[in-house]
Amino acid sequence: MKPLYLKFTDDEIIYSDNKDLNNQQSYKFNSKQELKENFRNFAKILPAPVDVLVLTNVRESLLNKNLITYNGQTIDCRNDLENIFHIPVVNMENIRKDGLALATHNAIIYSGWHLDYNHLDHDKRQYGQESMQTIGNGFLGLRGTYLEAKASDDNYPATYVAGVFNQLSTPINNRDVINEDLVNLPNSQYISFKVDEGDYLRIKDDLVQESIRSLDMKHGILTISTIIKLDDGKELKVVAKKLADLKNYHDYYLQYSVTPLNFYGKITILTQTDASIVNSNVARYRNLANKHLIVDNIENDDKEMLMLAHTSQSQIDLAIKTNISYPDIDNTQYYMENKSEIASQFIEFNVKPNHTYTLEKAVSIFTSLETKPDMIDTARNHKFIPTFAGAQEASKEAWHDVWKKENIVVTGDITAQKLLHLNCFSMTIAAQELANKHLDASVGSRGLTGEGYRGHIFWDELFDMNFYLLHYPELVKDLMMYRYNRLDAAKEYAATSDYKGAMFPWQSGMYGDEQSQEVHLNPMTNTWDPDNSRKQRHVSLAVAYNVLNYYNATQDEAFMSQYGLEMLFDIAEFWIGMSKFGPDTRKYTISDVMGPDEFHENYPGDTDNQGLKNNAYTNIMVSWFFKKLAKLIEDEPAKVIDDNLKRTNFTQQNIKDLNNIRHNLKLDFSGDILGQFEGYFDLKEINFDKYRQQYGNISRMDRILKAHNDSPDNYQIAKQADTLMALFNIRENAFLKIMLDLGYPIVNPNKFIHDNIKYYIARTTHGSTLSRIVYSMLMLKIGEDSEAWKLFYEALTSDYYDIQGGTTAEGIHLGVMGATLNVVTSYFAGVDYRGKMLEVNPHMPKQWEEVDFQMTFRDVNFKFRVTDNTFIVTTDKDTEIKFLNQKLPLTANQEIQLTY
């Protein structure tokens, strides 16, 4: 183990490989740069890699252990150092107590499982941290806000329940615009205090002396510790904890402990359930109607409270029950106060210094969507776990079971380990088996962490399902039932455009109707621009893709016969109708669509809003889908096919159409470059450097161009992967076969893939974080390992560093989180599950020493350990895999080690 010892002064870092700082060298701070930038520059000058950083002269405070002074500010430097060097950071006190080896081990374990923020932040930065520290259980999500905070520009406490949407109307540009939102439910996590006759604490810089917010992902507990100094000099330590019950998914639990540090006096703790809240997480939505809740009644029974409410339009009934307890506080005075929308409870008591006083609060949320028919009685009779300690123990046990299935262990990169754990954690709180089997809901693009995109469900499901499928196939079935239950709505939507079959909406909420707006606010111009994103009909292909992937991995014949085939037939009928035969070209054309790119909505000068023709991704995926469906029709029992034909309008002629259309969809080429859509090569090139000089970040070139009275429709640019997105979805061999089926044989596949990747990445601005993860995989295909790693790491850290300039404030990007996990297992470790058996071709990054994980495929549980030259696998049943294109039989419970 190679340590590097650091000593900080006001203007430099003194460093040495010796704890006595012999042979010391120094790095001079550049005071004009942020501390992080100085650390980055310091990392560049180190001559050799090290294993651990040792802080020799940091100061400790009541909460923080690694404080240094930089530019007059006191800063905890551990997180920044770990994130830049990707190795553990310890201080000399740790070493004196435990020794270097154990202190280093403890630091690795802690940092891999904890997401910490060590001070107050503001505005979107603080909002984003709250999104990242959301706790939940698939049913509810509770943003990681200070308990004392109410909605402001710096804090946004919010509670969301899967599937609880409501619609409101707002007059815009002389018309009523209806928006459907995932509803911000009554805030029951509010707890604050006052000393004597002072004001109740609000989270402000001048009062909060220290703060640590620590999300323990291993056990599902958020702990917020603060040191408060009031205006009169009184000091207190406040520790708040919250957790969501994974098993009894209606419940979450709070613990609030106050310790006076230097005074005697009286403290009053106030806790509320506040239904006066509105939806205001997203700044650009704030001028729209946002009051969704109507309170029906508030009932009190000693320390228990029951609030009954409903949503104004969707008429979803809500029952929120709370219970407070404080058995360790003596001589209390308790009273309550109910207003029309706020239920308040007060506890007064006398305090003395250095004694801790603890309030515990249990909260349950029931809705008429999942609790029938006696929701109110169910809520009234609901029993909580009696103590927070009991709830905490239950949470630890439940999360232990979760991590046994989905833990991904990375050796050699402490930051990647933390963020992979965060991504798994976020996927689990967005949806999990115990909750979702009772819900009619799927996963929105922001999970249950914020109000971006109004909580709607997009094609992002495609990126999420891959993770769920390998760990919780039953959960995937539950999530797909959300789409099945809205099949009639998809048929009605298709009919509005004069098509048969099922056309799923780009944005889906409660009912499955189209929730994409016809206008959206451009924040650069503050104007409402037309929004044609609803033309992304490929969302229906994502639904079909998920059904087919699920069936391939599980062979669940019951699901396919009862639900899956019906969805596939209806989706296929829609695409058959979309495919129009051209007598001149002898090919089928699919018109009036948008691709995943999203920058291109129409052709230049098209004022009739006709969309695009023959988007490559759309046409290739239609051909793939039709091929898969035709094979299913051949393989499934005749009775199953007949039953599903009777339940749908699919006909024998449609079956013939599948094969005819899938061989004859039109694509556009220029040499060996596949056109993103028909006419793409007629568009102008663009000088990105010109706009970089003016704007810096050009990821949203659509908004920039519109601010210049121009349009991305005029240029060869893309927001994200589009033309080559099919190579992310399907295996390369399958992609090449589809091209051959379509009549466009690829003579030199390596050259074709290389040339197309290079062509399109040069024209892509990565305005969506999903773009980076897709192109990371693509760059691996052409041996551009360093660029693949760069794009992957940008995607992995995209919410952590909020690289899109504040969008994490509106909720985490769940699709990116799912996709990064998929890249680690399917591309870095190389375990591809998209065929009849697992195919393995590792491509480990040199930055990592090892990756360990497990997964389930076709009812076989696999454990994998992958290094830069070894592949180790164990299964619980006899099976076989294909390793480097060679079939390999595996015997149950026998470890096999291979080299590559």
Foldseek 3Di string as FASTA:
>chain_A
DFEKEWEDDAFWIWIDSDLVSPVIDIDGDDLVDDPLVSLLVVVVPDPDAGAEYEYEDADDDPPADGWDAYPNDTDRCQVSNCQNNLHFYYYVVLCVVPNDVVSRVVRLVQLLFKDKDKAADFALVQLLVQQLQWFFAQFKIWGNFDLQEDDDRGTHTFMFGFQDKAWDWDDDPNDIDIFIFRWGAWDQSHKFKDFAPDDTDYDDPVFWPIWMWMQRLLLAKIKIWTWTADPVGWIKIKIKMKGAFNQQRQKIKMKIKIATADDKGKMKMKTKGFLVDWACLDPQCVVPDTRFKAWDDWDDDPQKIWTWIAGDGVGKIKIKMKGKDFVPAPDWDKDWDDDRGMTMIMIMHIDDHGDMTMMMMMMGMDIPQQDPDCRPVCRVPDDDDPDVVVSSVSSNVVSVVVCVAWQKDFFQGSVLSNLLSSLSSQLRRLHDDSPLVRHLGAADQQRNRFCVVSRWHALLVLLSLVRCLFGPLVRLLSRLVNVQVQQVQQQVQLVVVPFGFGQFWRTQGNRRHHNDTQWDALVVVRDTDGAQQRLASCSLLSSLLSLLQSCLQAVPPVCCLPGNVLSLLRSLRRVLRQWPADPVQRFTKRWLHDWPQRQAQDAPPPPVRTGFMPQQQSLLSLLVSLVVSLVCCVPDDPVSVVVSVVVGVHDPVSSVSSLSRLLGHDWDDDVLATARGPCLVVAAADDVVVVCVVPVQCLPVQSVQVVVVHGCSRYQAGNADTNCVVVVSDPPVSSQVSCVSNVNHDPDSLVSLVVHLVVHVVRYRNNDLVRLLSNLLSCVSNVVNVSSVVSLVCLSCCSVVVVNPSPSSRGDRSSSSSSSSCCVVCEQQNFDQRHNATEGDHNHDPSTAKMWRWTGGNNKIKTWIDGPWKIKIAIQAWDWHHYPNRIDTHHHGDIDMDTD
